[in-house]
PDB file of N, CA and C in Angstrom:
ATOM      1  N   MET A   1     -18.492 -46.787  16.305  1.00  0.00           N
ATOM      2  CA  MET A   1     -19.004 -46.079  15.264  1.00  0.00           C
ATOM      3  C   MET A   1     -20.634 -46.064  15.358  1.00  0.00           C
ATOM      4  N   ALA A   2     -21.126 -44.984  14.729  1.00  0.00           N
ATOM      5  CA  ALA A   2     -22.629 -44.751  14.902  1.00  0.00           C
ATOM      6  C   ALA A   2     -23.244 -45.683  13.898  1.00  0.00           C
ATOM      7  N   THR A   3     -24.214 -46.122  14.260  1.00  0.00           N
ATOM      8  CA  THR A   3     -25.206 -47.052  13.511  1.00  0.00           C
ATOM      9  C   THR A   3     -26.111 -46.051  12.600  1.00  0.00           C
ATOM     10  N   ALA A   4     -26.500 -46.547  11.516  1.00  0.00           N
ATOM     11  CA  ALA A   4     -27.471 -45.701  10.563  1.00  0.00           C
ATOM     12  C   ALA A   4     -28.867 -45.864  11.337  1.00  0.00           C
ATOM     13  N   THR A   5     -29.261 -44.820  11.701  1.00  0.00           N
ATOM     14  CA  THR A   5     -30.834 -44.694  12.199  1.00  0.00           C
ATOM     15  C   THR A   5     -31.545 -43.881  11.256  1.00  0.00           C
ATOM     16  N   LYS A   6     -32.642 -44.355  10.987  1.00  0.00           N
ATOM     17  CA  LYS A   6     -33.682 -43.571  10.089  1.00  0.00           C
ATOM     18  C   LYS A   6     -34.699 -42.824  10.901  1.00  0.00           C
ATOM     19  N   ASP A   7     -34.948 -41.589  10.612  1.00  0.00           N
ATOM     20  CA  ASP A   7     -35.846 -40.764  11.188  1.00  0.00           C
ATOM     21  C   ASP A   7     -37.171 -41.055  10.506  1.00  0.00           C
ATOM     22  N   LYS A   8     -38.167 -41.507  11.429  1.00  0.00           N
ATOM     23  CA  LYS A   8     -39.430 -41.877  10.864  1.00  0.00           C
ATOM     24  C   LYS A   8     -40.239 -40.975  10.129  1.00  0.00           C
ATOM     25  N   PHE A   9     -39.960 -39.517  10.337  1.00  0.00           N
ATOM     26  CA  PHE A   9     -40.748 -38.481   9.770  1.00  0.00           C
ATOM     27  C   PHE A   9     -40.173 -38.175   8.478  1.00  0.00           C
ATOM     28  N   THR A  10     -38.862 -37.939   8.501  1.00  0.00           N
ATOM     29  CA  THR A  10     -38.325 -37.451   7.118  1.00  0.00           C
ATOM     30  C   THR A  10     -37.550 -38.428   6.309  1.00  0.00           C
ATOM     31  N   GLY A  11     -37.284 -39.628   6.814  1.00  0.00           N
ATOM     32  CA  GLY A  11     -36.601 -40.601   6.056  1.00  0.00           C
ATOM     33  C   GLY A  11     -35.173 -40.373   5.946  1.00  0.00           C
ATOM     34  N   THR A  12     -34.509 -39.578   6.741  1.00  0.00           N
ATOM     35  CA  THR A  12     -33.119 -39.147   6.636  1.00  0.00           C
ATOM     36  C   THR A  12     -32.532 -40.021   7.704  1.00  0.00           C
ATOM     37  N   THR A  13     -31.392 -40.595   7.192  1.00  0.00           N
ATOM     38  CA  THR A  13     -30.428 -41.360   8.115  1.00  0.00           C
ATOM     39  C   THR A  13     -29.222 -40.522   8.632  1.00  0.00           C
ATOM     40  N   THR A  14     -28.677 -41.077   9.754  1.00  0.00           N
ATOM     41  CA  THR A  14     -27.509 -40.375  10.307  1.00  0.00           C
ATOM     42  C   THR A  14     -26.294 -40.403   9.216  1.00  0.00           C
ATOM     43  N   GLU A  15     -26.334 -41.364   8.444  1.00  0.00           N
ATOM     44  CA  GLU A  15     -25.316 -41.379   7.398  1.00  0.00           C
ATOM     45  C   GLU A  15     -25.490 -40.354   6.341  1.00  0.00           C
ATOM     46  N   ASP A  16     -26.808 -40.130   5.988  1.00  0.00           N
ATOM     47  CA  ASP A  16     -27.074 -39.012   5.097  1.00  0.00           C
ATOM     48  C   ASP A  16     -26.663 -37.752   5.603  1.00  0.00           C
ATOM     49  N   LEU A  17     -26.871 -37.494   6.969  1.00  0.00           N
ATOM     50  CA  LEU A  17     -26.643 -36.199   7.435  1.00  0.00           C
ATOM     51  C   LEU A  17     -25.011 -36.008   7.779  1.00  0.00           C
ATOM     52  N   ALA A  18     -24.327 -37.169   7.958  1.00  0.00           N
ATOM     53  CA  ALA A  18     -22.986 -37.061   7.931  1.00  0.00           C
ATOM     54  C   ALA A  18     -22.331 -36.692   6.662  1.00  0.00           C
ATOM     55  N   ALA A  19     -22.923 -37.282   5.564  1.00  0.00           N
ATOM     56  CA  ALA A  19     -22.524 -37.001   4.152  1.00  0.00           C
ATOM     57  C   ALA A  19     -22.749 -35.508   3.787  1.00  0.00           C
ATOM     58  N   GLN A  20     -24.024 -35.026   4.375  1.00  0.00           N
ATOM     59  CA  GLN A  20     -24.170 -33.542   3.939  1.00  0.00           C
ATOM     60  C   GLN A  20     -23.245 -32.736   4.813  1.00  0.00           C
ATOM     61  N   VAL A  21     -22.955 -33.064   5.997  1.00  0.00           N
ATOM     62  CA  VAL A  21     -21.894 -32.258   6.800  1.00  0.00           C
ATOM     63  C   VAL A  21     -20.495 -32.276   6.157  1.00  0.00           C
ATOM     64  N   ASP A  22     -20.166 -33.452   5.589  1.00  0.00           N
ATOM     65  CA  ASP A  22     -18.817 -33.520   4.894  1.00  0.00           C
ATOM     66  C   ASP A  22     -18.897 -32.673   3.663  1.00  0.00           C
ATOM     67  N   ALA A  23     -19.879 -32.754   2.990  1.00  0.00           N
ATOM     68  CA  ALA A  23     -20.033 -31.798   1.730  1.00  0.00           C
ATOM     69  C   ALA A  23     -20.054 -30.377   1.939  1.00  0.00           C
ATOM     70  N   LEU A  24     -20.673 -30.113   3.188  1.00  0.00           N
ATOM     71  CA  LEU A  24     -20.853 -28.803   3.548  1.00  0.00           C
ATOM     72  C   LEU A  24     -19.284 -28.260   3.873  1.00  0.00           C
ATOM     73  N   LYS A  25     -18.529 -29.206   4.636  1.00  0.00           N
ATOM     74  CA  LYS A  25     -17.125 -28.780   5.100  1.00  0.00           C
ATOM     75  C   LYS A  25     -16.265 -28.607   3.690  1.00  0.00           C
ATOM     76  N   ALA A  26     -16.426 -29.317   2.778  1.00  0.00           N
ATOM     77  CA  ALA A  26     -15.718 -29.399   1.650  1.00  0.00           C
ATOM     78  C   ALA A  26     -16.222 -27.898   0.987  1.00  0.00           C
ATOM     79  N   ASP A  27     -17.431 -27.582   0.839  1.00  0.00           N
ATOM     80  CA  ASP A  27     -17.853 -26.401   0.108  1.00  0.00           C
ATOM     81  C   ASP A  27     -17.185 -24.961   0.872  1.00  0.00           C
ATOM     82  N   ILE A  28     -17.201 -25.212   2.146  1.00  0.00           N
ATOM     83  CA  ILE A  28     -16.589 -24.147   3.076  1.00  0.00           C
ATOM     84  C   ILE A  28     -15.048 -24.006   2.681  1.00  0.00           C
ATOM     85  N   ALA A  29     -14.388 -25.116   2.683  1.00  0.00           N
ATOM     86  CA  ALA A  29     -12.957 -25.089   2.319  1.00  0.00           C
ATOM     87  C   ALA A  29     -12.692 -24.410   0.857  1.00  0.00           C
ATOM     88  N   ALA A  30     -13.576 -24.863   0.078  1.00  0.00           N
ATOM     89  CA  ALA A  30     -13.346 -24.248  -1.345  1.00  0.00           C
ATOM     90  C   ALA A  30     -13.584 -22.819  -1.226  1.00  0.00           C
ATOM     91  N   LEU A  31     -14.710 -22.389  -0.663  1.00  0.00           N
ATOM     92  CA  LEU A  31     -14.950 -20.936  -0.610  1.00  0.00           C
ATOM     93  C   LEU A  31     -13.816 -20.251   0.193  1.00  0.00           C
ATOM     94  N   THR A  32     -13.277 -20.699   1.158  1.00  0.00           N
ATOM     95  CA  THR A  32     -12.153 -20.274   2.010  1.00  0.00           C
ATOM     96  C   THR A  32     -10.960 -20.044   0.969  1.00  0.00           C
ATOM     97  N   GLN A  33     -10.697 -21.141   0.067  1.00  0.00           N
ATOM     98  CA  GLN A  33      -9.613 -20.981  -0.714  1.00  0.00           C
ATOM     99  C   GLN A  33      -9.960 -19.976  -1.860  1.00  0.00           C
ATOM    100  N   SER A  34     -11.231 -19.819  -2.348  1.00  0.00           N
ATOM    101  CA  SER A  34     -11.536 -18.723  -3.274  1.00  0.00           C
ATOM    102  C   SER A  34     -11.336 -17.409  -2.952  1.00  0.00           C
ATOM    103  N   LEU A  35     -11.928 -17.176  -1.650  1.00  0.00           N
ATOM    104  CA  LEU A  35     -11.721 -15.937  -0.970  1.00  0.00           C
ATOM    105  C   LEU A  35     -10.268 -15.494  -0.812  1.00  0.00           C
ATOM    106  N   GLY A  36      -9.366 -16.483  -0.374  1.00  0.00           N
ATOM    107  CA  GLY A  36      -7.911 -16.187  -0.338  1.00  0.00           C
ATOM    108  C   GLY A  36      -7.254 -15.819  -1.563  1.00  0.00           C
ATOM    109  N   ASP A  37      -7.549 -16.559  -2.662  1.00  0.00           N
ATOM    110  CA  ASP A  37      -7.204 -16.259  -3.937  1.00  0.00           C
ATOM    111  C   ASP A  37      -7.384 -14.997  -4.413  1.00  0.00           C
ATOM    112  N   TYR A  38      -8.842 -14.600  -4.075  1.00  0.00           N
ATOM    113  CA  TYR A  38      -9.216 -13.213  -4.595  1.00  0.00           C
ATOM    114  C   TYR A  38      -8.602 -12.122  -3.680  1.00  0.00           C
ATOM    115  N   GLY A  39      -8.305 -12.424  -2.536  1.00  0.00           N
ATOM    116  CA  GLY A  39      -7.650 -11.434  -1.595  1.00  0.00           C
ATOM    117  C   GLY A  39      -6.288 -11.142  -2.108  1.00  0.00           C
ATOM    118  N   ARG A  40      -5.655 -12.269  -2.456  1.00  0.00           N
ATOM    119  CA  ARG A  40      -4.189 -12.078  -2.874  1.00  0.00           C
ATOM    120  C   ARG A  40      -4.046 -11.442  -4.168  1.00  0.00           C
ATOM    121  N   THR A  41      -5.065 -11.714  -5.203  1.00  0.00           N
ATOM    122  CA  THR A  41      -5.172 -11.092  -6.495  1.00  0.00           C
ATOM    123  C   THR A  41      -5.365  -9.523  -6.283  1.00  0.00           C
ATOM    124  N   GLN A  42      -6.158  -9.269  -5.393  1.00  0.00           N
ATOM    125  CA  GLN A  42      -6.538  -7.740  -5.339  1.00  0.00           C
ATOM    126  C   GLN A  42      -5.389  -7.040  -4.679  1.00  0.00           C
ATOM    127  N   SER A  43      -4.778  -7.637  -3.685  1.00  0.00           N
ATOM    128  CA  SER A  43      -3.601  -6.964  -2.986  1.00  0.00           C
ATOM    129  C   SER A  43      -2.503  -6.654  -3.888  1.00  0.00           C
ATOM    130  N   ALA A  44      -2.245  -7.785  -4.814  1.00  0.00           N
ATOM    131  CA  ALA A  44      -1.176  -7.596  -5.761  1.00  0.00           C
ATOM    132  C   ALA A  44      -1.568  -6.526  -6.714  1.00  0.00           C
ATOM    133  N   HIS A  45      -2.899  -6.495  -7.188  1.00  0.00           N
ATOM    134  CA  HIS A  45      -3.229  -5.373  -8.125  1.00  0.00           C
ATOM    135  C   HIS A  45      -3.116  -3.967  -7.482  1.00  0.00           C
ATOM    136  N   LEU A  46      -3.523  -3.861  -6.232  1.00  0.00           N
ATOM    137  CA  LEU A  46      -3.475  -2.611  -5.497  1.00  0.00           C
ATOM    138  C   LEU A  46      -1.881  -2.306  -5.266  1.00  0.00           C
ATOM    139  N   ALA A  47      -1.112  -3.191  -4.950  1.00  0.00           N
ATOM    140  CA  ALA A  47       0.394  -2.872  -4.680  1.00  0.00           C
ATOM    141  C   ALA A  47       0.951  -2.512  -5.992  1.00  0.00           C
ATOM    142  N   GLU A  48       0.648  -2.900  -7.159  1.00  0.00           N
ATOM    143  CA  GLU A  48       1.112  -2.640  -8.437  1.00  0.00           C
ATOM    144  C   GLU A  48       0.644  -1.015  -8.727  1.00  0.00           C
ATOM    145  N   SER A  49      -0.545  -0.980  -8.510  1.00  0.00           N
ATOM    146  CA  SER A  49      -1.144   0.428  -8.750  1.00  0.00           C
ATOM    147  C   SER A  49      -0.494   1.504  -7.807  1.00  0.00           C
ATOM    148  N   ALA A  50      -0.255   1.203  -6.547  1.00  0.00           N
ATOM    149  CA  ALA A  50       0.422   2.101  -5.772  1.00  0.00           C
ATOM    150  C   ALA A  50       1.783   2.227  -6.155  1.00  0.00           C
ATOM    151  N   ARG A  51       2.435   1.335  -6.639  1.00  0.00           N
ATOM    152  CA  ARG A  51       3.875   1.285  -6.899  1.00  0.00           C
ATOM    153  C   ARG A  51       3.858   2.255  -8.292  1.00  0.00           C
ATOM    154  N   ALA A  52       3.088   2.072  -9.105  1.00  0.00           N
ATOM    155  CA  ALA A  52       3.138   2.910 -10.274  1.00  0.00           C
ATOM    156  C   ALA A  52       2.697   4.348  -9.967  1.00  0.00           C
ATOM    157  N   SER A  53       1.900   4.646  -9.226  1.00  0.00           N
ATOM    158  CA  SER A  53       1.577   5.827  -8.817  1.00  0.00           C
ATOM    159  C   SER A  53       2.653   6.572  -8.068  1.00  0.00           C
ATOM    160  N   GLY A  54       3.340   5.999  -7.220  1.00  0.00           N
ATOM    161  CA  GLY A  54       4.428   6.334  -6.444  1.00  0.00           C
ATOM    162  C   GLY A  54       5.632   6.679  -7.436  1.00  0.00           C
ATOM    163  N   GLU A  55       5.895   5.954  -8.304  1.00  0.00           N
ATOM    164  CA  GLU A  55       6.878   6.179  -9.369  1.00  0.00           C
ATOM    165  C   GLU A  55       6.638   7.369 -10.166  1.00  0.00           C
ATOM    166  N   ALA A  56       5.280   7.506 -10.565  1.00  0.00           N
ATOM    167  CA  ALA A  56       4.941   8.822 -11.334  1.00  0.00           C
ATOM    168  C   ALA A  56       5.092  10.028 -10.507  1.00  0.00           C
ATOM    169  N   GLU A  57       4.766   9.846  -9.222  1.00  0.00           N
ATOM    170  CA  GLU A  57       4.712  11.020  -8.391  1.00  0.00           C
ATOM    171  C   GLU A  57       6.269  11.454  -7.996  1.00  0.00           C
ATOM    172  N   TYR A  58       7.165  10.276  -7.902  1.00  0.00           N
ATOM    173  CA  TYR A  58       8.625  10.581  -7.700  1.00  0.00           C
ATOM    174  C   TYR A  58       9.136  11.417  -8.980  1.00  0.00           C
ATOM    175  N   GLU A  59       8.751  10.946 -10.089  1.00  0.00           N
ATOM    176  CA  GLU A  59       9.402  11.484 -11.346  1.00  0.00           C
ATOM    177  C   GLU A  59       8.928  12.977 -11.524  1.00  0.00           C
ATOM    178  N   HIS A  60       7.727  13.186 -11.028  1.00  0.00           N
ATOM    179  CA  HIS A  60       7.132  14.467 -11.046  1.00  0.00           C
ATOM    180  C   HIS A  60       7.724  15.407 -10.086  1.00  0.00           C
ATOM    181  N   LEU A  61       8.062  15.002  -8.879  1.00  0.00           N
ATOM    182  CA  LEU A  61       8.755  15.692  -7.972  1.00  0.00           C
ATOM    183  C   LEU A  61      10.201  16.012  -8.214  1.00  0.00           C
ATOM    184  N   ARG A  62      10.834  14.988  -8.826  1.00  0.00           N
ATOM    185  CA  ARG A  62      12.196  15.071  -9.188  1.00  0.00           C
ATOM    186  C   ARG A  62      12.265  16.165 -10.402  1.00  0.00           C
ATOM    187  N   SER A  63      11.503  16.279 -11.250  1.00  0.00           N
ATOM    188  CA  SER A  63      11.526  17.270 -12.364  1.00  0.00           C
ATOM    189  C   SER A  63      11.342  18.780 -11.724  1.00  0.00           C
ATOM    190  N   LYS A  64      10.313  18.761 -10.783  1.00  0.00           N
ATOM    191  CA  LYS A  64      10.086  19.905 -10.099  1.00  0.00           C
ATOM    192  C   LYS A  64      11.376  20.520  -9.262  1.00  0.00           C
ATOM    193  N   VAL A  65      12.100  19.569  -8.701  1.00  0.00           N
ATOM    194  CA  VAL A  65      13.435  19.929  -7.877  1.00  0.00           C
ATOM    195  C   VAL A  65      14.398  20.320  -8.892  1.00  0.00           C
ATOM    196  N   ALA A  66      14.571  19.784  -9.962  1.00  0.00           N
ATOM    197  CA  ALA A  66      15.532  20.061 -10.948  1.00  0.00           C
ATOM    198  C   ALA A  66      15.181  21.459 -11.542  1.00  0.00           C
ATOM    199  N   ASP A  67      13.882  21.753 -11.792  1.00  0.00           N
ATOM    200  CA  ASP A  67      13.473  23.225 -12.258  1.00  0.00           C
ATOM    201  C   ASP A  67      13.765  24.165 -11.222  1.00  0.00           C
ATOM    202  N   LEU A  68      13.526  23.811 -10.050  1.00  0.00           N
ATOM    203  CA  LEU A  68      13.796  24.798  -8.980  1.00  0.00           C
ATOM    204  C   LEU A  68      15.432  25.031  -8.826  1.00  0.00           C
ATOM    205  N   GLY A  69      16.139  24.130  -9.145  1.00  0.00           N
ATOM    206  CA  GLY A  69      17.644  24.099  -9.047  1.00  0.00           C
ATOM    207  C   GLY A  69      18.050  24.960 -10.172  1.00  0.00           C
ATOM    208  N   ASN A  70      17.492  24.738 -11.375  1.00  0.00           N
ATOM    209  CA  ASN A  70      17.858  25.586 -12.523  1.00  0.00           C
ATOM    210  C   ASN A  70      17.440  27.009 -12.216  1.00  0.00           C
ATOM    211  N   GLN A  71      16.345  27.353 -11.663  1.00  0.00           N
ATOM    212  CA  GLN A  71      15.875  28.636 -11.423  1.00  0.00           C
ATOM    213  C   GLN A  71      16.830  29.295 -10.437  1.00  0.00           C
ATOM    214  N   ALA A  72      17.365  28.630  -9.412  1.00  0.00           N
ATOM    215  CA  ALA A  72      18.441  29.156  -8.449  1.00  0.00           C
ATOM    216  C   ALA A  72      19.606  29.377  -9.035  1.00  0.00           C
ATOM    217  N   GLU A  73      20.025  28.517  -9.904  1.00  0.00           N
ATOM    218  CA  GLU A  73      21.256  28.839 -10.700  1.00  0.00           C
ATOM    219  C   GLU A  73      21.178  30.094 -11.547  1.00  0.00           C
ATOM    220  N   ASP A  74      20.057  30.200 -12.232  1.00  0.00           N
ATOM    221  CA  ASP A  74      19.903  31.239 -13.149  1.00  0.00           C
ATOM    222  C   ASP A  74      19.832  32.555 -12.197  1.00  0.00           C
ATOM    223  N   PHE A  75      19.204  32.457 -11.100  1.00  0.00           N
ATOM    224  CA  PHE A  75      19.113  33.743 -10.238  1.00  0.00           C
ATOM    225  C   PHE A  75      20.555  34.120  -9.737  1.00  0.00           C
ATOM    226  N   VAL A  76      21.477  33.190  -9.363  1.00  0.00           N
ATOM    227  CA  VAL A  76      22.748  33.362  -8.893  1.00  0.00           C
ATOM    228  C   VAL A  76      23.599  33.975 -10.161  1.00  0.00           C
ATOM    229  N   VAL A  77      23.432  33.560 -11.319  1.00  0.00           N
ATOM    230  CA  VAL A  77      24.123  34.103 -12.525  1.00  0.00           C
ATOM    231  C   VAL A  77      23.612  35.549 -12.712  1.00  0.00           C
ATOM    232  N   GLN A  78      22.390  35.638 -12.757  1.00  0.00           N
ATOM    233  CA  GLN A  78      21.724  37.175 -12.982  1.00  0.00           C
ATOM    234  C   GLN A  78      22.160  38.188 -11.941  1.00  0.00           C
ATOM    235  N   LYS A  79      22.050  37.713 -10.678  1.00  0.00           N
ATOM    236  CA  LYS A  79      22.201  38.655  -9.564  1.00  0.00           C
ATOM    237  C   LYS A  79      23.165  38.092  -8.482  1.00  0.00           C
ATOM    238  N   PRO A  80      24.424  38.040  -8.703  1.00  0.00           N
ATOM    239  CA  PRO A  80      25.380  37.330  -7.861  1.00  0.00           C
ATOM    240  C   PRO A  80      25.508  37.929  -6.605  1.00  0.00           C
ATOM    241  N   GLY A  81      25.239  39.290  -6.542  1.00  0.00           N
ATOM    242  CA  GLY A  81      25.470  40.191  -5.249  1.00  0.00           C
ATOM    243  C   GLY A  81      24.140  39.882  -4.344  1.00  0.00           C
ATOM    244  N   VAL A  82      23.051  39.874  -4.882  1.00  0.00           N
ATOM    245  CA  VAL A  82      21.809  39.632  -4.126  1.00  0.00           C
ATOM    246  C   VAL A  82      21.983  37.967  -3.494  1.00  0.00           C
ATOM    247  N   ALA A  83      22.451  37.159  -4.385  1.00  0.00           N
ATOM    248  CA  ALA A  83      22.390  35.712  -4.058  1.00  0.00           C
ATOM    249  C   ALA A  83      23.544  35.568  -2.789  1.00  0.00           C
ATOM    250  N   LEU A  84      24.654  36.365  -3.006  1.00  0.00           N
ATOM    251  CA  LEU A  84      25.711  36.268  -1.831  1.00  0.00           C
ATOM    252  C   LEU A  84      25.126  36.869  -0.589  1.00  0.00           C
ATOM    253  N   GLY A  85      24.288  38.040  -0.719  1.00  0.00           N
ATOM    254  CA  GLY A  85      23.812  38.573   0.498  1.00  0.00           C
ATOM    255  C   GLY A  85      22.662  37.621   1.222  1.00  0.00           C
ATOM    256  N   ILE A  86      21.930  36.847   0.304  1.00  0.00           N
ATOM    257  CA  ILE A  86      20.988  36.084   0.995  1.00  0.00           C
ATOM    258  C   ILE A  86      21.673  34.829   1.547  1.00  0.00           C
ATOM    259  N   ALA A  87      22.838  34.353   0.829  1.00  0.00           N
ATOM    260  CA  ALA A  87      23.555  33.136   1.597  1.00  0.00           C
ATOM    261  C   ALA A  87      24.308  33.669   2.827  1.00  0.00           C
ATOM    262  N   ALA A  88      24.719  34.887   2.844  1.00  0.00           N
ATOM    263  CA  ALA A  88      25.308  35.401   4.121  1.00  0.00           C
ATOM    264  C   ALA A  88      24.293  35.486   5.335  1.00  0.00           C
ATOM    265  N   GLY A  89      23.092  36.061   4.826  1.00  0.00           N
ATOM    266  CA  GLY A  89      22.093  36.107   5.881  1.00  0.00           C
ATOM    267  C   GLY A  89      21.639  34.787   6.476  1.00  0.00           C
ATOM    268  N   ILE A  90      21.498  33.825   5.525  1.00  0.00           N
ATOM    269  CA  ILE A  90      21.047  32.532   5.958  1.00  0.00           C
ATOM    270  C   ILE A  90      22.187  31.906   6.886  1.00  0.00           C
ATOM    271  N   GLY A  91      23.338  32.095   6.539  1.00  0.00           N
ATOM    272  CA  GLY A  91      24.450  31.596   7.328  1.00  0.00           C
ATOM    273  C   GLY A  91      24.570  32.241   8.750  1.00  0.00           C
ATOM    274  N   PHE A  92      24.262  33.567   8.737  1.00  0.00           N
ATOM    275  CA  PHE A  92      24.280  34.141   9.917  1.00  0.00           C
ATOM    276  C   PHE A  92      23.144  33.769  10.953  1.00  0.00           C
ATOM    277  N   LEU A  93      22.078  33.584  10.349  1.00  0.00           N
ATOM    278  CA  LEU A  93      20.896  33.067  11.131  1.00  0.00           C
ATOM    279  C   LEU A  93      21.143  31.542  11.648  1.00  0.00           C
ATOM    280  N   ALA A  94      21.665  30.764  10.862  1.00  0.00           N
ATOM    281  CA  ALA A  94      21.864  29.424  11.139  1.00  0.00           C
ATOM    282  C   ALA A  94      23.038  29.431  12.370  1.00  0.00           C
ATOM    283  N   GLY A  95      23.915  30.250  12.256  1.00  0.00           N
ATOM    284  CA  GLY A  95      24.899  30.447  13.230  1.00  0.00           C
ATOM    285  C   GLY A  95      24.378  30.809  14.528  1.00  0.00           C
ATOM    286  N   LEU A  96      23.322  31.732  14.571  1.00  0.00           N
ATOM    287  CA  LEU A  96      22.608  32.319  15.623  1.00  0.00           C
ATOM    288  C   LEU A  96      21.864  31.042  16.357  1.00  0.00           C
ATOM    289  N   VAL A  97      21.063  30.459  15.521  1.00  0.00           N
ATOM    290  CA  VAL A  97      20.248  29.216  15.998  1.00  0.00           C
ATOM    291  C   VAL A  97      21.108  28.213  16.719  1.00  0.00           C
ATOM    292  N   ILE A  98      22.295  27.873  16.037  1.00  0.00           N
ATOM    293  CA  ILE A  98      23.208  26.681  16.368  1.00  0.00           C
ATOM    294  C   ILE A  98      23.848  27.203  17.802  1.00  0.00           C
ATOM    295  N   SER A  99      24.235  28.374  17.906  1.00  0.00           N
ATOM    296  CA  SER A  99      25.121  28.849  19.043  1.00  0.00           C
ATOM    297  C   SER A  99      24.166  29.106  20.271  1.00  0.00           C
ATOM    298  N   ARG A 100      22.940  29.069  20.228  1.00  0.00           N
ATOM    299  CA  ARG A 100      21.973  29.195  21.273  1.00  0.00           C
ATOM    300  C   ARG A 100      21.662  27.951  21.929  1.00  0.00           C
ATOM    301  N   ARG A 101      22.169  26.872  21.405  1.00  0.00           N
ATOM    302  CA  ARG A 101      21.774  25.569  22.145  1.00  0.00           C
ATOM    303  C   ARG A 101      22.910  25.162  23.064  1.00  0.00           C
TER     304      ARG A 101
END
């Protein structure tokens, strides 16, 4: 074990330096813990914010799709001949694309 020697200029001993190093280690450990806690808190906050935003966007898109479905249904009811012609055209084009593979 090291013996305590005193610096003749500053009056500091090796034990004093060892105690200061130990205090510095404890401070760094506490700072690391605080930064970790802060990071976890911020990530949880951001995750919750992103989830809420995603849910709101999902609901908005779901209502848009429902509106488009209602518009398509109304179009088919109002103009069944045109709707049948469009469906036949899309089917014909899909058949051409699939048969060329």
